C-alpha cells in the first residue's frame, strides 16, 4: 500500500464533498428550470385558450373549456412536432357506451 498523508486524505474528502454538492445543485437547478418552463408554457396556453375571440369565428377544439391535466415533466405531444389535437362530439348513446367501457376496464385493474 502506498503511503498517503493526512493532507491528501483531507483533500480527497473535500473534493468528494464538493463533487456531491455540485451534483445535487446541478440536479436541482435543472429540475427547477423544467418546472418553471412548464408553468410558463401552461400560462401561455391558458391565456391563448381563454382570450376573447370574435363572434363570427367558429371555435375550434382548443377553444373548448377544460382544465389541462398535464405533468410538467412530460413533453407535449401537440403542435408542429406532434400529432394535431382532435375534438369529437359524442351522442348520448356513444357517451354512455364509452362510460361503460371505461368502468369495465378500470374494474379489471
C-alpha atoms as a PDB file:
ATOM      1  CA  UNK A   1       0.000   0.000   0.000  1.00  0.00           C
ATOM      2  CA  UNK A   2       1.206   3.487  -0.866  1.00  0.00           C
ATOM      3  CA  UNK A   3       1.849   5.861   1.969  1.00  0.00           C
ATOM      4  CA  UNK A   4      -0.879   8.540   1.977  1.00  0.00           C
ATOM      5  CA  UNK A   5      -0.505  11.623   4.104  1.00  0.00           C
ATOM      6  CA  UNK A   6      -3.317  13.101   6.171  1.00  0.00           C
ATOM      7  CA  UNK A   7      -3.361  16.181   3.929  1.00  0.00           C
ATOM      8  CA  UNK A   8      -4.043  14.009   0.888  1.00  0.00           C
ATOM      9  CA  UNK A   9      -6.854  12.203   2.718  1.00  0.00           C
ATOM     10  CA  UNK A  10      -8.442  15.512   3.765  1.00  0.00           C
ATOM     11  CA  UNK A  11      -8.085  16.827   0.209  1.00  0.00           C
ATOM     12  CA  UNK A  12      -9.783  13.737  -1.184  1.00  0.00           C
ATOM     13  CA  UNK A  13     -12.624  14.093   1.324  1.00  0.00           C
ATOM     14  CA  UNK A  14     -13.110  17.768   0.452  1.00  0.00           C
ATOM     15  CA  UNK A  15     -13.016  17.004  -3.277  1.00  0.00           C
ATOM     16  CA  UNK A  16     -15.610  14.256  -2.837  1.00  0.00           C
ATOM     17  CA  UNK A  17     -17.874  16.561  -0.760  1.00  0.00           C
ATOM     18  CA  UNK A  18     -17.621  19.304  -3.402  1.00  0.00           C
ATOM     19  CA  UNK A  19     -18.497  16.819  -6.143  1.00  0.00           C
ATOM     20  CA  UNK A  20     -21.610  15.718  -4.227  1.00  0.00           C
ATOM     21  CA  UNK A  21     -22.688  19.325  -3.570  1.00  0.00           C
ATOM     22  CA  UNK A  22     -22.124  20.260  -7.228  1.00  0.00           C
ATOM     23  CA  UNK A  23     -24.156  17.251  -8.448  1.00  0.00           C
ATOM     24  CA  UNK A  24     -27.058  17.988  -6.103  1.00  0.00           C
ATOM     25  CA  UNK A  25     -27.029  21.684  -7.049  1.00  0.00           C
ATOM     26  CA  UNK A  26     -26.941  20.954 -10.762  1.00  0.00           C
ATOM     27  CA  UNK A  27     -29.813  18.468 -10.465  1.00  0.00           C
ATOM     28  CA  UNK A  28     -31.965  20.944  -8.514  1.00  0.00           C
ATOM     29  CA  UNK A  29     -31.203  23.754 -10.952  1.00  0.00           C
ATOM     30  CA  UNK A  30     -32.165  21.652 -13.971  1.00  0.00           C
ATOM     31  CA  UNK A  31     -35.383  20.415 -12.363  1.00  0.00           C
ATOM     32  CA  UNK A  32     -36.380  23.914 -11.292  1.00  0.00           C
ATOM     33  CA  UNK A  33     -35.799  25.174 -14.823  1.00  0.00           C
ATOM     34  CA  UNK A  34     -38.036  22.472 -16.285  1.00  0.00           C
ATOM     35  CA  UNK A  35     -40.752  23.180 -13.724  1.00  0.00           C
ATOM     36  CA  UNK A  36     -40.713  26.938 -14.356  1.00  0.00           C
ATOM     37  CA  UNK A  37     -40.734  26.400 -18.117  1.00  0.00           C
ATOM     38  CA  UNK A  38     -43.756  24.112 -17.797  1.00  0.00           C
ATOM     39  CA  UNK A  39     -45.578  26.678 -15.654  1.00  0.00           C
ATOM     40  CA  UNK A  40     -44.829  29.433 -18.165  1.00  0.00           C
ATOM     41  CA  UNK A  41     -45.974  27.237 -21.058  1.00  0.00           C
ATOM     42  CA  UNK A  42     -49.240  26.368 -19.253  1.00  0.00           C
ATOM     43  CA  UNK A  43     -49.913  30.042 -18.525  1.00  0.00           C
ATOM     44  CA  UNK A  44     -49.389  30.933 -22.176  1.00  0.00           C
ATOM     45  CA  UNK A  45     -51.715  28.119 -23.248  1.00  0.00           C
ATOM     46  CA  UNK A  46     -54.439  29.207 -20.834  1.00  0.00           C
ATOM     47  CA  UNK A  47     -54.167  32.835 -21.982  1.00  0.00           C
ATOM     48  CA  UNK A  48     -54.456  31.767 -25.598  1.00  0.00           C
ATOM     49  CA  UNK A  49     -57.329  29.380 -24.850  1.00  0.00           C
ATOM     50  CA  UNK A  50     -59.452  31.872 -22.920  1.00  0.00           C
ATOM     51  CA  UNK A  51     -58.589  35.027 -24.848  1.00  0.00           C
ATOM     52  CA  UNK A  52     -61.625  36.929 -26.181  1.00  0.00           C
ATOM     53  CA  UNK A  53     -62.456  35.894 -29.724  1.00  0.00           C
ATOM     54  CA  UNK A  54     -64.625  37.312 -32.471  1.00  0.00           C
ATOM     55  CA  UNK A  55     -68.217  36.078 -32.502  1.00  0.00           C
ATOM     56  CA  UNK A  56     -68.090  35.264 -36.205  1.00  0.00           C
ATOM     57  CA  UNK A  57     -65.116  32.941 -35.794  1.00  0.00           C
ATOM     58  CA  UNK A  58     -66.015  29.288 -35.380  1.00  0.00           C
ATOM     59  CA  UNK A  59     -64.432  27.935 -32.182  1.00  0.00           C
ATOM     60  CA  UNK A  60     -62.029  25.060 -32.654  1.00  0.00           C
ATOM     61  CA  UNK A  61     -61.158  22.258 -30.225  1.00  0.00           C
ATOM     62  CA  UNK A  62     -58.678  24.483 -28.421  1.00  0.00           C
ATOM     63  CA  UNK A  63     -61.499  26.910 -27.532  1.00  0.00           C
ATOM     64  CA  UNK A  64     -63.408  24.300 -25.548  1.00  0.00           C
ATOM     65  CA  UNK A  65     -63.200  24.890 -21.814  1.00  0.00           C
ATOM     66  CA  UNK A  66     -61.341  22.348 -19.798  1.00  0.00           C
ATOM     67  CA  UNK A  67     -58.601  22.063 -17.271  1.00  0.00           C
ATOM     68  CA  UNK A  68     -55.422  20.668 -18.790  1.00  0.00           C
ATOM     69  CA  UNK A  69     -54.250  17.643 -16.844  1.00  0.00           C
ATOM     70  CA  UNK A  70     -50.583  17.888 -17.760  1.00  0.00           C
ATOM     71  CA  UNK A  71     -47.438  16.897 -15.970  1.00  0.00           C
ATOM     72  CA  UNK A  72     -44.596  19.354 -16.073  1.00  0.00           C
ATOM     73  CA  UNK A  73     -42.029  16.692 -16.859  1.00  0.00           C
ATOM     74  CA  UNK A  74     -43.899  15.064 -19.751  1.00  0.00           C
ATOM     75  CA  UNK A  75     -43.325  16.816 -23.084  1.00  0.00           C
ATOM     76  CA  UNK A  76     -46.353  17.994 -25.015  1.00  0.00           C
ATOM     77  CA  UNK A  77     -47.434  15.870 -27.950  1.00  0.00           C
ATOM     78  CA  UNK A  78     -49.373  18.543 -29.840  1.00  0.00           C
ATOM     79  CA  UNK A  79     -48.101  21.262 -32.129  1.00  0.00           C
ATOM     80  CA  UNK A  80     -45.761  21.087 -35.095  1.00  0.00           C
ATOM     81  CA  UNK A  81     -43.622  18.166 -33.812  1.00  0.00           C
ATOM     82  CA  UNK A  82     -46.561  16.079 -32.586  1.00  0.00           C
ATOM     83  CA  UNK A  83     -49.931  14.908 -33.851  1.00  0.00           C
ATOM     84  CA  UNK A  84     -52.714  17.509 -34.083  1.00  0.00           C
ATOM     85  CA  UNK A  85     -55.377  17.762 -31.395  1.00  0.00           C
ATOM     86  CA  UNK A  86     -58.824  16.417 -32.149  1.00  0.00           C
ATOM     87  CA  UNK A  87     -62.260  17.043 -30.699  1.00  0.00           C
ATOM     88  CA  UNK A  88     -65.176  14.719 -31.377  1.00  0.00           C
ATOM     89  CA  UNK A  89     -68.729  15.393 -30.231  1.00  0.00           C
ATOM     90  CA  UNK A  90     -70.339  12.178 -28.925  1.00  0.00           C
ATOM     91  CA  UNK A  91     -74.021  11.396 -28.900  1.00  0.00           C
ATOM     92  CA  UNK A  92     -75.665  10.365 -25.631  1.00  0.00           C
ATOM     93  CA  UNK A  93     -75.622   6.688 -26.636  1.00  0.00           C
ATOM     94  CA  UNK A  94     -71.929   6.850 -27.555  1.00  0.00           C
ATOM     95  CA  UNK A  95     -71.098   8.652 -24.309  1.00  0.00           C
ATOM     96  CA  UNK A  96     -72.960   6.010 -22.277  1.00  0.00           C
ATOM     97  CA  UNK A  97     -71.218   3.181 -24.134  1.00  0.00           C
ATOM     98  CA  UNK A  98     -67.827   4.829 -23.569  1.00  0.00           C
ATOM     99  CA  UNK A  99     -68.521   5.289 -19.845  1.00  0.00           C
ATOM    100  CA  UNK A 100     -69.456   1.603 -19.609  1.00  0.00           C
ATOM    101  CA  UNK A 101     -66.235   0.628 -21.366  1.00  0.00           C
ATOM    102  CA  UNK A 102     -64.151   2.790 -19.038  1.00  0.00           C
ATOM    103  CA  UNK A 103     -65.883   1.310 -15.986  1.00  0.00           C
ATOM    104  CA  UNK A 104     -65.288  -2.191 -17.343  1.00  0.00           C
ATOM    105  CA  UNK A 105     -61.580  -1.542 -17.978  1.00  0.00           C
ATOM    106  CA  UNK A 106     -60.970   0.165 -14.628  1.00  0.00           C
ATOM    107  CA  UNK A 107     -62.652  -2.624 -12.671  1.00  0.00           C
ATOM    108  CA  UNK A 108     -60.159  -5.147 -14.107  1.00  0.00           C
ATOM    109  CA  UNK A 109     -57.110  -3.335 -12.790  1.00  0.00           C
END
